[in-house]
N, C-alpha and C. Protein backbone atom coordinates (compact mmCIF):
# COMPACT_ATOMS: atom_id res chain seq x y z
N MET A 1 106.48 188.34 162.27
CA MET A 1 106.59 187.54 161.17
C MET A 1 106.31 188.04 160.09
N SER A 2 107.21 188.11 159.05
CA SER A 2 106.87 188.10 157.83
C SER A 2 107.31 187.50 156.75
N VAL A 3 106.21 186.35 156.18
CA VAL A 3 106.28 185.46 155.22
C VAL A 3 105.54 185.65 153.77
N VAL A 4 105.95 185.25 152.98
CA VAL A 4 105.65 185.41 151.75
C VAL A 4 105.23 184.03 150.75
N SER A 5 104.44 183.93 149.97
CA SER A 5 104.48 182.81 148.93
C SER A 5 104.24 183.43 147.81
N VAL A 6 105.28 182.65 146.91
CA VAL A 6 105.85 182.93 145.46
C VAL A 6 105.50 182.17 144.70
N TYR A 7 104.84 182.36 143.83
CA TYR A 7 103.77 181.41 142.83
C TYR A 7 104.72 181.75 141.19
N VAL A 8 105.13 180.39 141.05
CA VAL A 8 105.80 180.49 139.68
C VAL A 8 105.15 179.31 139.18
N ILE A 9 105.22 179.60 137.53
CA ILE A 9 104.76 178.58 136.57
C ILE A 9 105.88 178.01 135.92
N PHE A 10 106.07 176.72 135.77
CA PHE A 10 106.99 176.06 135.15
C PHE A 10 106.66 175.23 133.86
N ALA A 11 107.69 175.13 133.12
CA ALA A 11 107.04 174.25 131.68
C ALA A 11 106.69 172.80 131.77
N ASN A 12 107.15 172.35 132.96
CA ASN A 12 107.00 171.19 133.40
C ASN A 12 107.49 170.51 134.67
N ALA A 13 107.25 169.31 135.22
CA ALA A 13 107.04 168.83 136.70
C ALA A 13 108.61 168.96 136.49
N ASP A 14 109.66 168.27 135.59
CA ASP A 14 111.06 167.87 136.32
C ASP A 14 111.64 169.37 136.37
N GLU A 15 111.05 170.21 135.64
CA GLU A 15 111.93 171.90 135.74
C GLU A 15 111.40 172.43 137.51
N ALA A 16 110.12 172.15 137.35
CA ALA A 16 109.79 172.50 139.11
C ALA A 16 110.37 172.09 140.14
N GLU A 17 110.60 170.60 139.88
CA GLU A 17 111.20 169.81 141.04
C GLU A 17 112.62 170.20 140.73
N SER A 18 113.25 170.27 139.81
CA SER A 18 114.94 170.76 139.92
C SER A 18 114.98 172.08 140.31
N VAL A 19 114.16 172.95 139.99
CA VAL A 19 114.68 174.62 140.48
C VAL A 19 113.97 174.76 142.02
N GLY A 20 113.18 173.85 142.35
CA GLY A 20 112.80 173.84 143.83
C GLY A 20 113.70 172.98 144.69
N ARG A 21 114.09 172.30 144.33
CA ARG A 21 115.28 171.60 145.26
C ARG A 21 116.31 172.14 145.23
N THR A 22 116.91 173.11 144.16
CA THR A 22 117.97 174.05 144.32
C THR A 22 117.48 175.19 145.36
N ILE A 23 116.58 175.66 145.19
CA ILE A 23 115.99 176.94 145.80
C ILE A 23 115.93 176.83 147.26
N VAL A 24 115.39 175.35 147.74
CA VAL A 24 115.47 175.21 149.15
C VAL A 24 116.69 174.86 149.51
N GLU A 25 117.66 173.90 148.80
CA GLU A 25 119.05 173.75 149.00
C GLU A 25 119.89 175.08 149.47
N GLU A 26 119.57 175.98 148.76
CA GLU A 26 120.31 177.08 148.81
C GLU A 26 119.74 177.94 150.04
N ARG A 27 118.71 177.48 150.52
CA ARG A 27 118.10 178.31 151.57
C ARG A 27 117.33 179.44 151.27
N LEU A 28 117.01 179.72 150.12
CA LEU A 28 116.13 180.79 149.79
C LEU A 28 114.78 180.87 150.17
N ALA A 29 114.17 179.25 150.00
CA ALA A 29 113.10 178.96 150.58
C ALA A 29 112.76 178.03 151.53
N ALA A 30 111.97 178.06 152.50
CA ALA A 30 111.82 176.63 153.33
C ALA A 30 111.14 175.54 152.51
N CYS A 31 110.47 176.08 151.78
CA CYS A 31 109.90 174.80 151.22
C CYS A 31 109.10 175.14 149.79
N VAL A 32 108.80 174.32 148.77
CA VAL A 32 108.18 174.48 147.59
C VAL A 32 107.14 173.33 147.48
N ASN A 33 105.97 173.68 147.23
CA ASN A 33 104.55 172.95 146.74
C ASN A 33 104.84 173.12 145.13
N ILE A 34 104.84 171.70 144.50
CA ILE A 34 104.61 171.51 143.25
C ILE A 34 103.31 170.99 142.96
N LEU A 35 102.63 172.05 142.35
CA LEU A 35 100.80 171.43 142.12
C LEU A 35 101.09 170.84 140.97
N GLY A 36 99.86 170.23 140.64
CA GLY A 36 99.66 169.35 139.32
C GLY A 36 99.39 170.07 138.21
N PRO A 37 99.39 169.32 137.13
CA PRO A 37 99.34 170.31 135.82
C PRO A 37 98.27 171.47 135.75
N VAL A 38 98.68 172.35 135.23
CA VAL A 38 97.76 173.62 135.04
C VAL A 38 97.52 173.56 133.18
N ARG A 39 96.45 174.10 132.53
CA ARG A 39 96.67 174.70 131.64
C ARG A 39 96.52 175.98 131.27
N SER A 40 97.43 176.77 130.62
CA SER A 40 97.58 177.83 130.52
C SER A 40 97.39 178.52 129.17
N ILE A 41 96.66 179.78 129.02
CA ILE A 41 96.08 180.46 127.68
C ILE A 41 96.89 181.70 128.05
N TYR A 42 97.30 182.24 126.85
CA TYR A 42 98.24 183.79 127.14
C TYR A 42 98.43 184.03 126.15
N ARG A 43 99.17 185.71 125.97
CA ARG A 43 99.73 186.12 124.74
C ARG A 43 100.73 186.24 124.95
N TRP A 44 101.78 185.89 123.69
CA TRP A 44 103.13 185.64 123.99
C TRP A 44 103.40 186.02 122.18
N GLN A 45 104.18 187.11 122.07
CA GLN A 45 104.75 187.64 120.99
C GLN A 45 103.66 187.94 119.79
N GLY A 46 102.54 188.24 120.19
CA GLY A 46 101.64 188.66 119.28
C GLY A 46 100.09 188.04 119.01
N ALA A 47 100.46 186.64 119.65
CA ALA A 47 99.48 185.67 119.44
C ALA A 47 99.04 184.79 120.68
N ALA A 48 97.94 184.40 120.70
CA ALA A 48 97.19 183.81 121.71
C ALA A 48 97.89 182.60 121.76
N LYS A 49 98.16 181.82 122.63
CA LYS A 49 98.90 180.44 122.63
C LYS A 49 98.24 180.07 123.77
N SER A 50 98.58 178.38 124.01
CA SER A 50 98.33 177.52 125.22
C SER A 50 99.26 176.66 125.08
N ALA A 51 99.56 176.15 126.80
CA ALA A 51 100.36 175.19 126.91
C ALA A 51 99.93 174.42 128.53
N ASP A 52 100.29 173.31 128.49
CA ASP A 52 100.27 172.39 129.87
C ASP A 52 101.47 172.84 130.77
N GLU A 53 101.72 173.33 131.85
CA GLU A 53 102.67 173.77 132.50
C GLU A 53 102.41 173.22 134.04
N VAL A 54 103.25 173.64 134.87
CA VAL A 54 103.20 173.15 136.19
C VAL A 54 103.17 174.26 137.00
N ALA A 55 102.30 174.56 137.96
CA ALA A 55 102.31 175.57 138.66
C ALA A 55 103.26 174.96 140.35
N ALA A 56 104.03 176.01 140.77
CA ALA A 56 104.64 175.70 142.46
C ALA A 56 104.26 176.95 143.18
N ILE A 57 104.45 176.90 144.54
CA ILE A 57 104.19 177.56 145.35
C ILE A 57 105.49 177.82 146.70
N PHE A 58 106.48 178.93 146.31
CA PHE A 58 107.85 178.38 147.44
C PHE A 58 107.07 179.54 148.76
N LYS A 59 107.79 179.07 149.67
CA LYS A 59 107.33 179.94 150.93
C LYS A 59 108.56 180.33 151.54
N THR A 60 108.61 181.81 151.64
CA THR A 60 110.22 182.16 152.07
C THR A 60 109.99 183.11 153.11
N ALA A 61 110.90 183.83 153.81
CA ALA A 61 110.60 185.11 154.16
C ALA A 61 110.51 186.43 153.68
N TYR A 62 109.97 187.50 154.03
CA TYR A 62 109.55 188.50 152.76
C TYR A 62 111.08 189.19 152.68
N ALA A 63 111.98 189.39 153.67
CA ALA A 63 113.45 189.80 153.48
C ALA A 63 114.23 189.06 152.01
N MET A 64 113.76 187.66 151.95
CA MET A 64 114.59 187.13 150.87
C MET A 64 113.96 186.91 149.64
N THR A 65 112.69 187.81 149.57
CA THR A 65 111.74 187.52 148.30
C THR A 65 112.74 188.02 146.93
N ASP A 66 113.72 189.14 147.06
CA ASP A 66 113.77 189.60 145.87
C ASP A 66 115.08 188.81 145.33
N ARG A 67 115.75 188.24 146.35
CA ARG A 67 116.89 187.25 145.98
C ARG A 67 116.21 185.96 145.53
N LEU A 68 115.15 185.51 146.13
CA LEU A 68 114.41 184.13 145.75
C LEU A 68 114.07 184.51 144.22
N ILE A 69 113.19 185.66 144.04
CA ILE A 69 112.69 185.44 142.35
C ILE A 69 113.92 185.98 141.61
N ALA A 70 114.91 186.71 141.98
CA ALA A 70 116.28 186.60 140.83
C ALA A 70 116.78 185.12 140.39
N ARG A 71 116.73 184.46 141.67
CA ARG A 71 117.54 183.23 141.69
C ARG A 71 116.68 182.29 140.71
N ILE A 72 115.42 182.53 140.82
CA ILE A 72 114.34 181.45 140.15
C ILE A 72 114.46 181.88 138.50
N ALA A 73 114.51 183.36 138.44
CA ALA A 73 114.66 183.76 136.70
C ALA A 73 115.97 183.40 136.39
N ASP A 74 117.09 183.07 137.06
CA ASP A 74 118.44 182.78 136.45
C ASP A 74 117.97 181.34 136.21
N LEU A 75 117.32 180.41 137.01
CA LEU A 75 117.15 178.86 136.88
C LEU A 75 116.28 178.49 135.87
N HIS A 76 115.37 179.67 135.77
CA HIS A 76 114.25 179.14 134.61
C HIS A 76 114.32 178.92 133.34
N SER A 77 113.46 178.02 132.74
CA SER A 77 113.41 177.98 131.05
C SER A 77 113.21 179.32 130.06
N TYR A 78 112.32 179.78 130.90
CA TYR A 78 111.33 180.81 130.09
C TYR A 78 112.38 182.22 130.23
N ASP A 79 111.99 182.86 128.76
CA ASP A 79 112.55 184.28 128.79
C ASP A 79 111.88 185.00 129.93
N VAL A 80 110.30 185.08 130.01
CA VAL A 80 109.71 185.91 130.70
C VAL A 80 109.02 185.08 131.71
N PRO A 81 109.42 184.10 132.96
CA PRO A 81 108.68 183.65 133.64
C PRO A 81 107.35 184.38 134.50
N CYS A 82 106.38 183.46 134.92
CA CYS A 82 105.74 184.10 135.89
C CYS A 82 106.23 183.92 137.25
N ILE A 83 106.72 185.10 137.80
CA ILE A 83 107.20 184.79 139.29
C ILE A 83 106.13 185.75 139.96
N ALA A 84 105.24 185.57 140.70
CA ALA A 84 104.54 186.25 141.75
C ALA A 84 104.59 186.12 143.18
N THR A 85 104.71 187.19 143.88
CA THR A 85 104.52 187.16 145.45
C THR A 85 103.08 187.17 145.98
N TRP A 86 102.54 186.19 146.92
CA TRP A 86 101.45 186.51 147.32
C TRP A 86 101.64 186.54 148.84
N PRO A 87 101.32 187.88 149.34
CA PRO A 87 101.80 188.19 150.79
C PRO A 87 100.48 187.38 151.66
N ILE A 88 101.12 187.01 152.48
CA ILE A 88 100.18 185.99 153.66
C ILE A 88 99.71 186.88 154.99
N ASP A 89 98.31 187.15 154.90
CA ASP A 89 97.62 187.88 155.92
C ASP A 89 98.14 187.63 157.36
N LYS A 90 97.41 186.28 157.12
CA LYS A 90 97.51 185.40 158.71
C LYS A 90 98.14 184.16 158.54
N ILE A 91 99.02 183.58 159.49
CA ILE A 91 99.73 182.23 159.53
C ILE A 91 99.66 181.60 160.85
N LEU A 92 99.80 180.50 160.97
CA LEU A 92 100.20 179.78 162.26
C LEU A 92 101.45 180.20 162.71
N ALA A 93 101.65 180.48 163.87
CA ALA A 93 103.01 181.12 164.32
C ALA A 93 104.07 180.07 164.12
N ALA A 94 103.72 179.07 164.54
CA ALA A 94 105.01 178.08 164.54
C ALA A 94 105.28 177.40 163.17
N TYR A 95 104.57 177.76 162.23
CA TYR A 95 104.88 177.40 160.81
C TYR A 95 105.72 178.72 160.42
N GLY A 96 104.97 179.96 160.85
CA GLY A 96 105.79 181.03 160.10
C GLY A 96 107.43 181.19 160.67
N ASP A 97 107.37 180.98 162.34
CA ASP A 97 108.83 180.51 162.63
C ASP A 97 109.57 179.75 161.98
N TRP A 98 109.31 178.69 161.46
CA TRP A 98 109.97 177.65 160.62
C TRP A 98 110.18 178.10 159.35
N VAL A 99 109.58 179.08 158.71
CA VAL A 99 109.80 179.51 157.45
C VAL A 99 111.13 180.54 157.73
N GLU A 100 110.65 181.12 158.70
CA GLU A 100 112.11 182.23 158.62
C GLU A 100 113.16 181.67 159.09
N GLU A 101 113.21 180.52 159.93
CA GLU A 101 114.18 179.87 160.41
C GLU A 101 114.84 179.02 159.46
N SER A 102 114.19 178.74 158.28
CA SER A 102 114.59 177.79 157.52
C SER A 102 115.40 178.64 156.11
N VAL A 103 115.29 179.70 155.93
CA VAL A 103 115.69 180.31 154.96
C VAL A 103 116.95 181.34 155.68
N GLY A 104 118.10 181.98 154.71
CA GLY A 104 118.93 183.00 154.99
C GLY A 104 120.59 181.86 155.29
């Protein structure tokens, strides 16, 4: 079983929900958890900036990761979105089976 979490930062909750729904409907991820607002501090175009953003965690099969990342990037409003995978070391077997059955 090979399941990964894909962590993404969005500009706002509406974008996170829209992209999340599209990704799940296209079966690139089994589900997405849209988390509460986060305050981000980052460097962009030579200056320190800050913004209120929304984090989301997508769950998918490892084999779908590249397609998922590319699709999120296509749908995302940012020029350079934060999209990073978090490997899962251990998982409830039934949950892992459900993720893998839900994608593809």
